[in-house]
Amino acid sequence: MATINGIGSQPNLAAATGNIASQALGKEDFLQLLVAQLQNQDPLNPADATEFTAQLAQFSSLEQMFNMNESMQKLTSLSGDMERLSALGLIGREVTAQTDLLKFEGAPVELGYRLPDSAARVTVHILDANNNTVATLAPPSKLVGEHFLSWDGTADNGVTVPKGSYRLAVNALDSEDRTIETVPLVRGTVSGVDLDPSGSSVVTGNGSFLMSKLLNVNGGSP
């Protein structure tokens, strides 16, 4: 009796697929295996109908998974296109991003923080690339909510810091000296958009922010 790729009188689909385990099986490959099984079965000892039905069910499930995967890929692509279109619509608008990274380009930077609870003490620091504090700012409020202030680039020594990247560090403590988790915020007006396939971002004079990090646009939801 003829055999193909080790398929004998009662070929087992799992054994056949084991021979090509190192390769990705597509639904066409699966169907070819089923056809080969039918062509090479022993007429006097045909494949069990129940087993064959189960294999057909496996093929149907495999096809559904491939179709679902294709649909998910289309949805992901569509979502990316919508995000890029949304980003383009933000040019010229002021946005607030949840980030501790900012850029100083010579103009005042609008930065702030969100407190989930009122604090007894709040300290606001601007750190350089080496995590050294270059400026200590007076917190505008210790109450629950979002609070903003403007930093003109002046360091603690009275000298204007060089242009470049900096980090915002906000520390908040309650009346029992327990740390309150704060959310750092940076505001800026969108001057451009970076349409990177891995994630669109808006470009402002105070830094570039991923769309996923935007909290507000002109005071409203993006």
N, C-alpha and C. Protein backbone atom coordinates (compact mmCIF):
# COMPACT_ATOMS: atom_id res chain seq x y z
N MET A 1 0.84 -1.19 0.00
CA MET A 1 0.00 0.00 0.00
C MET A 1 0.88 1.24 0.00
N ALA A 2 0.46 2.23 -0.76
CA ALA A 2 1.27 3.44 -0.90
C ALA A 2 1.17 4.28 0.36
N THR A 3 2.26 4.95 0.65
CA THR A 3 2.28 5.87 1.78
C THR A 3 2.84 7.20 1.31
N ILE A 4 2.38 8.28 1.93
CA ILE A 4 2.89 9.62 1.62
C ILE A 4 3.29 10.28 2.93
N ASN A 5 4.56 10.67 3.03
CA ASN A 5 5.08 11.34 4.23
C ASN A 5 4.74 10.58 5.50
N GLY A 6 4.82 9.22 5.41
CA GLY A 6 4.60 8.42 6.60
C GLY A 6 3.14 8.13 6.86
N ILE A 7 2.20 8.52 5.96
CA ILE A 7 0.79 8.26 6.15
C ILE A 7 0.49 6.89 5.61
N GLY A 8 0.00 5.99 6.46
CA GLY A 8 -0.23 4.61 6.06
C GLY A 8 -1.70 4.32 5.86
N SER A 9 -2.09 3.06 6.18
CA SER A 9 -3.44 2.64 5.90
C SER A 9 -4.46 3.43 6.71
N GLN A 10 -4.11 3.80 7.95
CA GLN A 10 -4.99 4.62 8.74
C GLN A 10 -4.19 5.83 9.20
N PRO A 11 -3.96 6.76 8.31
CA PRO A 11 -3.08 7.89 8.62
C PRO A 11 -3.68 8.73 9.73
N ASN A 12 -2.80 9.20 10.55
CA ASN A 12 -3.20 10.07 11.66
C ASN A 12 -2.73 11.48 11.34
N LEU A 13 -3.67 12.43 11.37
CA LEU A 13 -3.34 13.80 10.99
C LEU A 13 -2.29 14.39 11.92
N ALA A 14 -2.38 14.06 13.21
CA ALA A 14 -1.41 14.61 14.16
C ALA A 14 -0.01 14.14 13.84
N ALA A 15 0.13 12.84 13.43
CA ALA A 15 1.45 12.32 13.08
C ALA A 15 1.98 13.01 11.84
N ALA A 16 1.08 13.27 10.89
CA ALA A 16 1.51 13.94 9.66
C ALA A 16 1.98 15.35 9.95
N THR A 17 1.22 16.05 10.79
CA THR A 17 1.62 17.42 11.11
C THR A 17 2.90 17.45 11.92
N GLY A 18 3.18 16.36 12.65
CA GLY A 18 4.42 16.30 13.44
C GLY A 18 5.64 16.32 12.56
N ASN A 19 5.52 15.80 11.33
CA ASN A 19 6.67 15.77 10.42
C ASN A 19 7.05 17.15 9.93
N ILE A 20 6.11 18.07 10.05
CA ILE A 20 6.42 19.43 9.59
C ILE A 20 6.19 20.42 10.73
N ALA A 21 6.51 19.97 11.95
CA ALA A 21 6.28 20.79 13.14
C ALA A 21 7.08 22.07 13.12
N SER A 22 8.21 22.03 12.40
CA SER A 22 9.07 23.21 12.37
C SER A 22 8.56 24.27 11.42
N GLN A 23 7.49 23.94 10.65
CA GLN A 23 6.95 24.88 9.69
C GLN A 23 5.58 25.34 10.15
N ALA A 24 5.16 26.54 9.74
CA ALA A 24 3.86 27.07 10.10
C ALA A 24 2.80 26.43 9.20
N LEU A 25 1.77 25.84 9.80
CA LEU A 25 0.70 25.22 9.05
C LEU A 25 -0.38 26.24 8.76
N GLY A 26 -0.70 26.43 7.48
CA GLY A 26 -1.81 27.27 7.11
C GLY A 26 -3.01 26.40 6.81
N LYS A 27 -4.16 27.04 6.56
CA LYS A 27 -5.36 26.25 6.31
C LYS A 27 -5.25 25.46 5.01
N GLU A 28 -4.50 25.97 4.01
CA GLU A 28 -4.31 25.23 2.77
C GLU A 28 -3.50 23.96 3.02
N ASP A 29 -2.47 24.07 3.88
CA ASP A 29 -1.67 22.89 4.22
C ASP A 29 -2.54 21.85 4.92
N PHE A 30 -3.40 22.33 5.82
CA PHE A 30 -4.26 21.42 6.55
C PHE A 30 -5.19 20.67 5.60
N LEU A 31 -5.77 21.41 4.64
CA LEU A 31 -6.68 20.80 3.68
C LEU A 31 -5.96 19.78 2.80
N GLN A 32 -4.73 20.08 2.40
CA GLN A 32 -3.96 19.14 1.58
C GLN A 32 -3.70 17.84 2.34
N LEU A 33 -3.47 17.95 3.64
CA LEU A 33 -3.25 16.75 4.45
C LEU A 33 -4.51 15.88 4.49
N LEU A 34 -5.65 16.54 4.62
CA LEU A 34 -6.90 15.78 4.62
C LEU A 34 -7.13 15.07 3.29
N VAL A 35 -6.86 15.79 2.19
CA VAL A 35 -7.03 15.19 0.86
C VAL A 35 -6.07 14.02 0.67
N ALA A 36 -4.81 14.20 1.10
CA ALA A 36 -3.83 13.11 0.99
C ALA A 36 -4.26 11.91 1.80
N GLN A 37 -4.87 12.17 2.94
CA GLN A 37 -5.34 11.08 3.78
C GLN A 37 -6.42 10.27 3.07
N LEU A 38 -7.35 10.96 2.41
CA LEU A 38 -8.42 10.26 1.70
C LEU A 38 -7.89 9.49 0.50
N GLN A 39 -6.93 10.08 -0.21
CA GLN A 39 -6.40 9.44 -1.42
C GLN A 39 -5.61 8.18 -1.09
N ASN A 40 -5.02 8.13 0.07
CA ASN A 40 -4.10 7.04 0.37
C ASN A 40 -4.61 6.07 1.44
N GLN A 41 -5.88 6.17 1.77
CA GLN A 41 -6.40 5.21 2.74
C GLN A 41 -6.64 3.85 2.07
N ASP A 42 -6.65 2.81 2.86
CA ASP A 42 -6.90 1.45 2.37
C ASP A 42 -8.39 1.29 2.12
N PRO A 43 -8.82 0.99 0.86
CA PRO A 43 -10.26 0.83 0.58
C PRO A 43 -10.92 -0.24 1.43
N LEU A 44 -10.12 -1.24 1.82
CA LEU A 44 -10.68 -2.32 2.63
C LEU A 44 -10.71 -1.96 4.12
N ASN A 45 -10.01 -0.89 4.45
CA ASN A 45 -9.97 -0.49 5.86
C ASN A 45 -9.96 1.04 5.92
N PRO A 46 -11.05 1.66 5.51
CA PRO A 46 -11.07 3.13 5.41
C PRO A 46 -10.94 3.79 6.78
N ALA A 47 -10.62 5.06 6.74
CA ALA A 47 -10.46 5.84 7.96
C ALA A 47 -11.78 5.90 8.72
N ASP A 48 -11.67 5.90 10.01
CA ASP A 48 -12.85 5.96 10.87
C ASP A 48 -13.62 7.26 10.61
N ALA A 49 -14.94 7.13 10.40
CA ALA A 49 -15.75 8.30 10.06
C ALA A 49 -15.74 9.33 11.18
N THR A 50 -15.75 8.85 12.41
CA THR A 50 -15.75 9.77 13.55
C THR A 50 -14.48 10.60 13.58
N GLU A 51 -13.33 9.90 13.36
CA GLU A 51 -12.05 10.59 13.36
C GLU A 51 -11.97 11.60 12.22
N PHE A 52 -12.50 11.20 11.05
CA PHE A 52 -12.46 12.11 9.90
C PHE A 52 -13.33 13.34 10.16
N THR A 53 -14.50 13.12 10.78
CA THR A 53 -15.37 14.25 11.12
C THR A 53 -14.69 15.20 12.08
N ALA A 54 -13.96 14.63 13.05
CA ALA A 54 -13.23 15.47 14.01
C ALA A 54 -12.16 16.30 13.31
N GLN A 55 -11.52 15.67 12.30
CA GLN A 55 -10.49 16.40 11.56
C GLN A 55 -11.10 17.53 10.73
N LEU A 56 -12.28 17.28 10.17
CA LEU A 56 -12.97 18.35 9.45
C LEU A 56 -13.34 19.49 10.39
N ALA A 57 -13.72 19.13 11.60
CA ALA A 57 -14.04 20.16 12.59
C ALA A 57 -12.80 20.97 12.94
N GLN A 58 -11.64 20.27 13.00
CA GLN A 58 -10.39 20.96 13.27
C GLN A 58 -10.07 21.94 12.14
N PHE A 59 -10.33 21.49 10.92
CA PHE A 59 -10.07 22.38 9.78
C PHE A 59 -10.97 23.61 9.83
N SER A 60 -12.25 23.37 10.18
CA SER A 60 -13.18 24.49 10.28
C SER A 60 -12.73 25.48 11.36
N SER A 61 -12.27 24.95 12.50
CA SER A 61 -11.79 25.83 13.57
C SER A 61 -10.55 26.60 13.14
N LEU A 62 -9.67 25.90 12.41
CA LEU A 62 -8.45 26.55 11.93
C LEU A 62 -8.79 27.69 10.98
N GLU A 63 -9.75 27.45 10.08
CA GLU A 63 -10.13 28.49 9.13
C GLU A 63 -10.74 29.69 9.85
N GLN A 64 -11.54 29.42 10.87
CA GLN A 64 -12.14 30.51 11.65
C GLN A 64 -11.06 31.34 12.35
N MET A 65 -10.04 30.65 12.87
CA MET A 65 -8.96 31.38 13.54
C MET A 65 -8.19 32.25 12.57
N PHE A 66 -7.94 31.74 11.37
CA PHE A 66 -7.24 32.53 10.35
C PHE A 66 -8.08 33.75 9.97
N ASN A 67 -9.40 33.52 9.78
CA ASN A 67 -10.27 34.64 9.42
C ASN A 67 -10.32 35.67 10.54
N MET A 68 -10.36 35.20 11.79
CA MET A 68 -10.38 36.11 12.92
C MET A 68 -9.08 36.91 13.00
N ASN A 69 -7.97 36.23 12.72
CA ASN A 69 -6.68 36.91 12.75
C ASN A 69 -6.61 38.00 11.68
N GLU A 70 -7.11 37.69 10.50
CA GLU A 70 -7.13 38.68 9.42
C GLU A 70 -8.00 39.88 9.80
N SER A 71 -9.15 39.59 10.45
CA SER A 71 -10.05 40.67 10.86
C SER A 71 -9.39 41.55 11.91
N MET A 72 -8.68 40.92 12.86
CA MET A 72 -8.00 41.68 13.90
C MET A 72 -6.90 42.56 13.31
N GLN A 73 -6.20 42.03 12.32
CA GLN A 73 -5.15 42.82 11.66
C GLN A 73 -5.75 44.03 10.95
N LYS A 74 -6.92 43.85 10.33
CA LYS A 74 -7.58 44.96 9.65
C LYS A 74 -8.04 46.00 10.67
N LEU A 75 -8.57 45.53 11.82
CA LEU A 75 -9.01 46.45 12.86
C LEU A 75 -7.84 47.24 13.43
N THR A 76 -6.70 46.54 13.63
CA THR A 76 -5.51 47.22 14.14
C THR A 76 -5.04 48.29 13.17
N SER A 77 -5.05 47.95 11.88
CA SER A 77 -4.63 48.92 10.87
C SER A 77 -5.58 50.10 10.84
N LEU A 78 -6.89 49.83 10.94
CA LEU A 78 -7.89 50.90 10.93
C LEU A 78 -7.73 51.79 12.15
N SER A 79 -7.47 51.17 13.31
CA SER A 79 -7.27 51.94 14.54
C SER A 79 -6.07 52.86 14.41
N GLY A 80 -4.98 52.35 13.79
CA GLY A 80 -3.80 53.18 13.59
C GLY A 80 -4.08 54.35 12.66
N ASP A 81 -4.87 54.10 11.61
CA ASP A 81 -5.22 55.18 10.68
C ASP A 81 -6.05 56.25 11.38
N MET A 82 -7.00 55.82 12.22
CA MET A 82 -7.84 56.77 12.95
C MET A 82 -7.00 57.60 13.92
N GLU A 83 -6.03 56.94 14.57
CA GLU A 83 -5.16 57.66 15.51
C GLU A 83 -4.35 58.72 14.78
N ARG A 84 -3.83 58.36 13.60
CA ARG A 84 -3.03 59.32 12.83
C ARG A 84 -3.88 60.51 12.37
N LEU A 85 -5.13 60.23 11.95
CA LEU A 85 -6.01 61.32 11.55
C LEU A 85 -6.34 62.22 12.73
N SER A 86 -6.55 61.62 13.90
CA SER A 86 -6.83 62.40 15.10
C SER A 86 -5.65 63.28 15.46
N ALA A 87 -4.44 62.73 15.32
CA ALA A 87 -3.24 63.50 15.64
C ALA A 87 -3.12 64.71 14.73
N LEU A 88 -3.41 64.54 13.45
CA LEU A 88 -3.32 65.66 12.51
C LEU A 88 -4.31 66.77 12.88
N GLY A 89 -5.45 66.39 13.44
CA GLY A 89 -6.45 67.37 13.82
C GLY A 89 -6.09 68.17 15.04
N LEU A 90 -4.99 67.82 15.72
CA LEU A 90 -4.60 68.52 16.94
C LEU A 90 -3.61 69.65 16.67
N ILE A 91 -3.14 69.79 15.46
CA ILE A 91 -2.15 70.84 15.15
C ILE A 91 -2.75 72.21 15.47
N GLY A 92 -2.01 73.00 16.24
CA GLY A 92 -2.44 74.32 16.63
C GLY A 92 -3.22 74.36 17.93
N ARG A 93 -3.50 73.19 18.51
CA ARG A 93 -4.28 73.14 19.75
C ARG A 93 -3.37 72.85 20.95
N GLU A 94 -3.81 73.30 22.10
CA GLU A 94 -3.05 73.06 23.33
C GLU A 94 -3.45 71.72 23.92
N VAL A 95 -2.46 70.93 24.31
CA VAL A 95 -2.74 69.61 24.87
C VAL A 95 -2.03 69.47 26.22
N THR A 96 -2.57 68.60 27.04
CA THR A 96 -1.95 68.26 28.32
C THR A 96 -1.61 66.78 28.28
N ALA A 97 -0.35 66.44 28.56
CA ALA A 97 0.11 65.06 28.51
C ALA A 97 0.52 64.58 29.90
N GLN A 98 0.27 63.30 30.15
CA GLN A 98 0.72 62.68 31.39
C GLN A 98 2.15 62.19 31.17
N THR A 99 3.10 63.00 31.58
CA THR A 99 4.51 62.67 31.38
C THR A 99 5.36 63.49 32.33
N ASP A 100 6.54 62.96 32.66
CA ASP A 100 7.48 63.73 33.48
C ASP A 100 8.64 64.25 32.63
N LEU A 101 8.58 64.01 31.32
CA LEU A 101 9.64 64.46 30.41
C LEU A 101 9.24 65.75 29.73
N LEU A 102 10.16 66.69 29.66
CA LEU A 102 9.87 67.97 29.01
C LEU A 102 11.11 68.50 28.33
N LYS A 103 10.91 69.44 27.43
CA LYS A 103 12.02 70.10 26.75
C LYS A 103 11.94 71.60 27.01
N PHE A 104 13.10 72.19 27.27
CA PHE A 104 13.18 73.64 27.41
C PHE A 104 13.86 74.19 26.17
N GLU A 105 13.14 75.03 25.43
CA GLU A 105 13.66 75.58 24.19
C GLU A 105 13.84 77.10 24.27
N GLY A 106 13.83 77.63 25.49
CA GLY A 106 14.02 79.07 25.66
C GLY A 106 12.77 79.79 26.08
N ALA A 107 11.60 79.21 25.77
CA ALA A 107 10.32 79.81 26.15
C ALA A 107 9.81 79.14 27.43
N PRO A 108 8.98 79.83 28.22
CA PRO A 108 8.43 79.23 29.45
C PRO A 108 7.70 77.92 29.17
N VAL A 109 7.83 76.99 30.09
CA VAL A 109 7.21 75.68 29.97
C VAL A 109 6.06 75.57 30.97
N GLU A 110 4.90 75.15 30.48
CA GLU A 110 3.75 74.93 31.36
C GLU A 110 3.80 73.48 31.85
N LEU A 111 3.94 73.33 33.16
CA LEU A 111 3.99 71.99 33.74
C LEU A 111 3.14 71.96 35.00
N GLY A 112 2.87 70.75 35.46
CA GLY A 112 2.02 70.65 36.64
C GLY A 112 1.94 69.24 37.17
N TYR A 113 0.90 68.99 37.96
CA TYR A 113 0.74 67.69 38.60
C TYR A 113 -0.71 67.51 39.03
N ARG A 114 -1.07 66.26 39.24
CA ARG A 114 -2.40 65.93 39.74
C ARG A 114 -2.27 65.22 41.08
N LEU A 115 -3.03 65.68 42.07
CA LEU A 115 -3.05 65.07 43.39
C LEU A 115 -4.36 64.32 43.59
N PRO A 116 -4.30 63.02 43.92
CA PRO A 116 -5.54 62.28 44.19
C PRO A 116 -6.13 62.63 45.56
N ASP A 117 -5.27 63.14 46.44
CA ASP A 117 -5.70 63.55 47.77
C ASP A 117 -4.95 64.84 48.13
N SER A 118 -5.52 65.60 49.02
CA SER A 118 -4.83 66.80 49.48
C SER A 118 -3.57 66.41 50.24
N ALA A 119 -2.53 67.23 50.09
CA ALA A 119 -1.23 66.93 50.69
C ALA A 119 -0.88 67.96 51.75
N ALA A 120 -0.01 67.55 52.67
CA ALA A 120 0.50 68.48 53.68
C ALA A 120 1.71 69.22 53.14
N ARG A 121 2.50 68.51 52.30
CA ARG A 121 3.69 69.12 51.70
C ARG A 121 3.84 68.66 50.26
N VAL A 122 4.23 69.59 49.40
CA VAL A 122 4.47 69.28 47.99
C VAL A 122 5.76 69.98 47.57
N THR A 123 6.64 69.23 46.92
CA THR A 123 7.86 69.82 46.37
C THR A 123 7.92 69.52 44.88
N VAL A 124 8.34 70.53 44.11
CA VAL A 124 8.42 70.40 42.65
C VAL A 124 9.86 70.68 42.23
N HIS A 125 10.46 69.73 41.53
CA HIS A 125 11.86 69.87 41.11
C HIS A 125 11.98 69.64 39.60
N ILE A 126 12.94 70.32 39.01
CA ILE A 126 13.32 70.08 37.62
C ILE A 126 14.70 69.43 37.64
N LEU A 127 14.81 68.27 37.02
CA LEU A 127 16.05 67.51 37.01
C LEU A 127 16.67 67.51 35.62
N ASP A 128 18.00 67.48 35.57
CA ASP A 128 18.69 67.40 34.28
C ASP A 128 18.88 65.94 33.88
N ALA A 129 19.64 65.72 32.81
CA ALA A 129 19.84 64.36 32.29
C ALA A 129 20.57 63.46 33.27
N ASN A 130 21.30 64.05 34.22
CA ASN A 130 22.02 63.26 35.23
C ASN A 130 21.25 63.15 36.53
N ASN A 131 19.95 63.51 36.50
CA ASN A 131 19.08 63.46 37.68
C ASN A 131 19.51 64.41 38.78
N ASN A 132 20.23 65.46 38.41
CA ASN A 132 20.58 66.50 39.36
C ASN A 132 19.49 67.57 39.36
N THR A 133 19.10 68.05 40.54
CA THR A 133 18.09 69.09 40.62
C THR A 133 18.69 70.41 40.16
N VAL A 134 18.08 71.00 39.13
CA VAL A 134 18.56 72.29 38.63
C VAL A 134 17.65 73.43 39.07
N ALA A 135 16.39 73.12 39.35
CA ALA A 135 15.45 74.16 39.78
C ALA A 135 14.43 73.58 40.75
N THR A 136 14.13 74.35 41.80
CA THR A 136 13.11 73.98 42.76
C THR A 136 11.99 75.02 42.66
N LEU A 137 10.78 74.55 42.38
CA LEU A 137 9.67 75.45 42.12
C LEU A 137 8.66 75.44 43.26
N ALA A 138 8.01 76.57 43.47
CA ALA A 138 6.99 76.67 44.51
C ALA A 138 5.71 76.01 44.01
N PRO A 139 5.17 75.03 44.74
CA PRO A 139 3.95 74.36 44.29
C PRO A 139 2.76 75.32 44.33
N PRO A 140 1.93 75.34 43.30
CA PRO A 140 0.79 76.25 43.29
C PRO A 140 -0.32 75.87 44.25
N SER A 141 -0.41 74.57 44.60
CA SER A 141 -1.48 74.12 45.49
C SER A 141 -1.15 72.76 46.07
N LYS A 142 -1.74 72.48 47.25
CA LYS A 142 -1.61 71.18 47.89
C LYS A 142 -2.94 70.44 47.93
N LEU A 143 -3.94 71.01 47.28
CA LEU A 143 -5.27 70.43 47.31
C LEU A 143 -5.44 69.37 46.23
N VAL A 144 -6.44 68.52 46.41
CA VAL A 144 -6.72 67.49 45.42
C VAL A 144 -7.08 68.13 44.08
N GLY A 145 -6.61 67.54 42.99
CA GLY A 145 -6.91 68.05 41.66
C GLY A 145 -5.66 68.32 40.84
N GLU A 146 -5.85 68.97 39.68
CA GLU A 146 -4.74 69.32 38.79
C GLU A 146 -4.29 70.76 39.02
N HIS A 147 -2.97 70.95 39.03
CA HIS A 147 -2.41 72.28 39.28
C HIS A 147 -1.25 72.52 38.32
N PHE A 148 -1.14 73.74 37.80
CA PHE A 148 -0.13 74.07 36.81
C PHE A 148 0.66 75.31 37.23
N LEU A 149 1.88 75.38 36.74
CA LEU A 149 2.73 76.54 36.93
C LEU A 149 3.62 76.70 35.72
N SER A 150 4.22 77.86 35.58
CA SER A 150 5.08 78.14 34.44
C SER A 150 6.53 78.23 34.90
N TRP A 151 7.41 77.55 34.18
CA TRP A 151 8.84 77.60 34.49
C TRP A 151 9.56 78.25 33.32
N ASP A 152 10.27 79.35 33.61
CA ASP A 152 10.94 80.10 32.54
C ASP A 152 12.37 79.65 32.27
N GLY A 153 12.76 78.53 32.87
CA GLY A 153 14.11 78.01 32.64
C GLY A 153 15.15 78.51 33.63
N THR A 154 14.71 79.29 34.62
CA THR A 154 15.67 79.80 35.60
C THR A 154 16.04 78.71 36.60
N ALA A 155 17.34 78.50 36.80
CA ALA A 155 17.83 77.50 37.74
C ALA A 155 17.88 78.09 39.15
N ASP A 156 18.16 77.26 40.13
CA ASP A 156 18.25 77.71 41.52
C ASP A 156 19.36 78.73 41.72
N ASN A 157 20.38 78.72 40.86
CA ASN A 157 21.48 79.68 40.98
C ASN A 157 21.21 80.99 40.24
N GLY A 158 19.98 81.11 39.70
CA GLY A 158 19.59 82.34 39.03
C GLY A 158 19.96 82.40 37.56
N VAL A 159 20.63 81.39 37.06
CA VAL A 159 21.07 81.36 35.65
C VAL A 159 20.07 80.54 34.84
N THR A 160 19.83 80.95 33.63
CA THR A 160 18.94 80.20 32.74
C THR A 160 19.62 78.90 32.30
N VAL A 161 18.92 77.79 32.41
CA VAL A 161 19.49 76.50 32.07
C VAL A 161 19.66 76.39 30.56
N PRO A 162 20.57 75.54 30.09
CA PRO A 162 20.73 75.33 28.64
C PRO A 162 19.48 74.67 28.05
N LYS A 163 19.27 74.91 26.78
CA LYS A 163 18.17 74.24 26.10
C LYS A 163 18.42 72.73 26.07
N GLY A 164 17.34 71.98 26.20
CA GLY A 164 17.49 70.53 26.17
C GLY A 164 16.36 69.84 26.92
N SER A 165 16.59 68.56 27.22
CA SER A 165 15.57 67.72 27.87
C SER A 165 15.76 67.74 29.38
N TYR A 166 14.63 67.78 30.08
CA TYR A 166 14.63 67.78 31.54
C TYR A 166 13.50 66.88 32.03
N ARG A 167 13.49 66.68 33.34
CA ARG A 167 12.45 65.81 33.93
C ARG A 167 11.80 66.52 35.10
N LEU A 168 10.50 66.33 35.21
CA LEU A 168 9.71 66.91 36.29
C LEU A 168 9.55 65.88 37.41
N ALA A 169 9.90 66.27 38.63
CA ALA A 169 9.75 65.39 39.79
C ALA A 169 8.90 66.09 40.83
N VAL A 170 7.76 65.49 41.16
CA VAL A 170 6.85 66.06 42.15
C VAL A 170 6.71 65.08 43.31
N ASN A 171 7.02 65.54 44.51
CA ASN A 171 6.91 64.71 45.71
C ASN A 171 5.84 65.30 46.62
N ALA A 172 4.91 64.45 47.03
CA ALA A 172 3.82 64.90 47.90
C ALA A 172 3.71 63.98 49.10
N LEU A 173 3.51 64.58 50.28
CA LEU A 173 3.38 63.83 51.53
C LEU A 173 2.12 64.28 52.25
N ASP A 174 1.46 63.33 52.92
CA ASP A 174 0.29 63.69 53.72
C ASP A 174 0.75 64.12 55.12
N SER A 175 -0.20 64.35 56.02
CA SER A 175 0.12 64.86 57.35
C SER A 175 0.91 63.87 58.19
N GLU A 176 0.94 62.60 57.78
CA GLU A 176 1.68 61.57 58.51
C GLU A 176 2.94 61.16 57.74
N ASP A 177 3.37 62.02 56.83
CA ASP A 177 4.58 61.80 56.03
C ASP A 177 4.50 60.56 55.14
N ARG A 178 3.32 60.19 54.77
CA ARG A 178 3.15 59.10 53.81
C ARG A 178 3.11 59.67 52.40
N THR A 179 3.76 58.96 51.48
CA THR A 179 3.84 59.44 50.10
C THR A 179 2.50 59.37 49.39
N ILE A 180 2.16 60.44 48.70
CA ILE A 180 0.96 60.49 47.87
C ILE A 180 1.40 60.39 46.42
N GLU A 181 0.85 59.43 45.70
CA GLU A 181 1.22 59.24 44.29
C GLU A 181 0.70 60.41 43.46
N THR A 182 1.61 61.10 42.79
CA THR A 182 1.23 62.23 41.96
C THR A 182 1.37 61.87 40.48
N VAL A 183 0.64 62.58 39.65
CA VAL A 183 0.71 62.38 38.20
C VAL A 183 1.34 63.63 37.59
N PRO A 184 2.55 63.53 37.02
CA PRO A 184 3.20 64.70 36.40
C PRO A 184 2.52 65.06 35.09
N LEU A 185 2.42 66.36 34.83
CA LEU A 185 1.72 66.85 33.64
C LEU A 185 2.56 67.90 32.93
N VAL A 186 2.48 67.92 31.61
CA VAL A 186 3.16 68.94 30.81
C VAL A 186 2.18 69.42 29.74
N ARG A 187 2.10 70.75 29.55
CA ARG A 187 1.23 71.33 28.55
C ARG A 187 2.05 71.87 27.39
N GLY A 188 1.45 71.90 26.22
CA GLY A 188 2.12 72.49 25.06
C GLY A 188 1.18 72.64 23.90
N THR A 189 1.51 73.51 22.97
CA THR A 189 0.71 73.70 21.77
C THR A 189 1.29 72.85 20.64
N VAL A 190 0.45 72.08 20.01
CA VAL A 190 0.90 71.14 18.97
C VAL A 190 1.32 71.90 17.72
N SER A 191 2.57 71.68 17.32
CA SER A 191 3.10 72.33 16.11
C SER A 191 3.33 71.33 14.99
N GLY A 192 3.27 70.04 15.30
CA GLY A 192 3.49 69.02 14.28
C GLY A 192 3.07 67.66 14.80
N VAL A 193 3.13 66.68 13.92
CA VAL A 193 2.72 65.32 14.26
C VAL A 193 3.74 64.34 13.72
N ASP A 194 4.11 63.36 14.53
CA ASP A 194 5.00 62.29 14.10
C ASP A 194 4.16 61.05 13.86
N LEU A 195 3.97 60.68 12.59
CA LEU A 195 3.10 59.56 12.23
C LEU A 195 3.88 58.25 12.19
N ASP A 196 4.45 57.88 13.31
CA ASP A 196 5.21 56.63 13.40
C ASP A 196 4.24 55.45 13.45
N PRO A 197 4.46 54.40 12.64
CA PRO A 197 3.55 53.24 12.66
C PRO A 197 3.42 52.60 14.03
N SER A 198 4.45 52.70 14.85
CA SER A 198 4.40 52.09 16.18
C SER A 198 3.59 52.91 17.17
N GLY A 199 3.25 54.13 16.80
CA GLY A 199 2.47 54.98 17.70
C GLY A 199 2.64 56.44 17.35
N SER A 200 1.55 57.10 16.98
CA SER A 200 1.63 58.51 16.61
C SER A 200 1.87 59.37 17.84
N SER A 201 2.57 60.48 17.64
CA SER A 201 2.84 61.42 18.72
C SER A 201 2.71 62.83 18.20
N VAL A 202 2.39 63.76 19.10
CA VAL A 202 2.29 65.17 18.73
C VAL A 202 3.55 65.88 19.18
N VAL A 203 3.96 66.86 18.41
CA VAL A 203 5.18 67.62 18.68
C VAL A 203 4.79 69.00 19.19
N THR A 204 5.34 69.38 20.35
CA THR A 204 5.10 70.70 20.90
C THR A 204 6.45 71.34 21.23
N GLY A 205 6.41 72.61 21.59
CA GLY A 205 7.64 73.27 21.99
C GLY A 205 8.18 72.77 23.30
N ASN A 206 7.37 72.03 24.05
CA ASN A 206 7.77 71.50 25.35
C ASN A 206 8.06 70.01 25.32
N GLY A 207 8.09 69.42 24.12
CA GLY A 207 8.39 68.00 23.98
C GLY A 207 7.40 67.30 23.07
N SER A 208 7.70 66.05 22.77
CA SER A 208 6.81 65.22 21.95
C SER A 208 6.08 64.24 22.86
N PHE A 209 4.78 64.09 22.63
CA PHE A 209 3.96 63.25 23.49
C PHE A 209 3.20 62.23 22.65
N LEU A 210 3.22 60.97 23.09
CA LEU A 210 2.42 59.95 22.43
C LEU A 210 0.94 60.28 22.59
N MET A 211 0.16 59.92 21.58
CA MET A 211 -1.27 60.16 21.64
C MET A 211 -1.89 59.49 22.86
N SER A 212 -1.37 58.32 23.22
CA SER A 212 -1.92 57.59 24.36
C SER A 212 -1.67 58.29 25.69
N LYS A 213 -0.74 59.28 25.70
CA LYS A 213 -0.42 60.00 26.93
C LYS A 213 -1.20 61.31 27.07
N LEU A 214 -1.99 61.67 26.06
CA LEU A 214 -2.72 62.92 26.11
C LEU A 214 -3.95 62.78 27.02
N LEU A 215 -4.10 63.74 27.92
CA LEU A 215 -5.24 63.72 28.83
C LEU A 215 -6.30 64.74 28.44
N ASN A 216 -5.86 65.91 27.97
CA ASN A 216 -6.78 66.96 27.63
C ASN A 216 -6.36 67.68 26.37
N VAL A 217 -7.34 68.21 25.65
CA VAL A 217 -7.09 69.06 24.49
C VAL A 217 -7.92 70.32 24.69
N ASN A 218 -7.24 71.46 24.88
CA ASN A 218 -7.96 72.71 25.13
C ASN A 218 -9.00 72.56 26.22
N GLY A 219 -8.66 71.77 27.24
CA GLY A 219 -9.56 71.60 28.37
C GLY A 219 -10.59 70.51 28.18
N GLY A 220 -10.65 69.87 26.98
CA GLY A 220 -11.62 68.81 26.74
C GLY A 220 -10.92 67.52 26.41
N SER A 221 -11.68 66.44 26.30
CA SER A 221 -11.10 65.14 25.98
C SER A 221 -10.68 65.10 24.53
N PRO A 222 -9.53 64.48 24.19
CA PRO A 222 -9.07 64.39 22.81
C PRO A 222 -9.94 63.48 21.99
